[in-house]
Amino acid sequence: MDNFSKQIYEAGINDGRAEGLAEGKAESIKNLMSTMNVSIDQAMDILKTPPEERQYFKDMLAKEQ
């Protein structure tokens, strides 16, 4: 595999990991909301979600409803 192909491959792997982590965190937020009866903001506080990521998860979870 040449260097360019390797970079493309690694970028794809990294994108997949990031997407998987985001899906897992969204699932954790939903679970906290339902089991602990907390708001989305409270769930993200519990998970220590950075402020710059919060709107992303709010949008993601709104699409699921």
Protein backbone atom coordinates (compact mmCIF):
# COMPACT_ATOMS: atom_id res chain seq x y z
CA MET A 1 0.00 0.00 0.00
CA ASP A 2 1.49 3.35 -0.96
CA ASN A 3 1.65 6.26 1.47
CA PHE A 4 -1.39 8.09 0.05
CA SER A 5 -3.54 4.96 0.17
CA LYS A 6 -2.43 4.34 3.74
CA GLN A 7 -3.43 7.89 4.73
CA ILE A 8 -6.86 7.47 3.14
CA TYR A 9 -7.32 4.13 4.90
CA GLU A 10 -6.30 5.53 8.28
CA ALA A 11 -8.59 8.55 7.83
CA GLY A 12 -11.50 6.18 7.18
CA ILE A 13 -10.67 4.16 10.28
CA ASN A 14 -10.48 7.32 12.39
CA ASP A 15 -13.81 8.58 11.03
CA GLY A 16 -15.42 5.24 11.84
CA ARG A 17 -14.10 5.30 15.38
CA ALA A 18 -15.32 8.85 15.94
CA GLU A 19 -18.76 7.94 14.63
CA GLY A 20 -18.91 4.86 16.86
CA LEU A 21 -17.90 6.85 19.92
CA ALA A 22 -20.54 9.48 19.18
CA GLU A 23 -23.23 6.82 18.80
CA GLY A 24 -22.18 5.25 22.08
CA LYS A 25 -22.29 8.56 23.90
CA ALA A 26 -25.72 9.34 22.44
CA GLU A 27 -26.95 5.97 23.69
CA SER A 28 -25.52 6.71 27.15
CA ILE A 29 -27.32 10.06 27.20
CA LYS A 30 -30.61 8.38 26.26
CA ASN A 31 -30.13 5.71 28.92
CA LEU A 32 -29.45 8.28 31.63
CA MET A 33 -32.47 10.29 30.57
CA SER A 34 -34.79 7.29 30.81
CA THR A 35 -33.40 5.45 33.84
CA MET A 36 -32.62 8.45 36.00
CA ASN A 37 -35.43 10.65 34.64
CA VAL A 38 -33.08 13.56 33.93
CA SER A 39 -33.03 16.13 31.15
CA ILE A 40 -30.66 15.91 28.23
CA ASP A 41 -28.56 18.71 29.75
CA GLN A 42 -28.36 16.92 33.08
CA ALA A 43 -27.36 13.68 31.35
CA MET A 44 -24.61 15.49 29.46
CA ASP A 45 -23.45 17.09 32.73
CA ILE A 46 -23.19 13.64 34.31
CA LEU A 47 -21.16 12.40 31.32
CA LYS A 48 -19.03 15.58 31.35
CA THR A 49 -19.84 16.32 27.72
CA PRO A 50 -17.84 19.35 26.53
CA PRO A 51 -19.92 22.44 25.73
CA GLU A 52 -18.82 22.41 22.08
CA GLU A 53 -20.31 18.90 21.60
CA ARG A 54 -23.67 19.43 23.30
CA GLN A 55 -25.61 20.83 20.35
CA TYR A 56 -24.40 17.95 18.19
CA PHE A 57 -25.91 15.41 20.60
CA LYS A 58 -29.11 17.41 21.01
CA ASP A 59 -29.52 17.42 17.23
CA MET A 60 -28.64 13.73 16.96
CA LEU A 61 -31.17 12.69 19.58
CA ALA A 62 -33.87 14.98 18.19
CA LYS A 63 -33.58 13.20 14.82
CA GLU A 64 -34.27 9.86 16.54
CA GLN A 65 -37.58 10.96 17.99
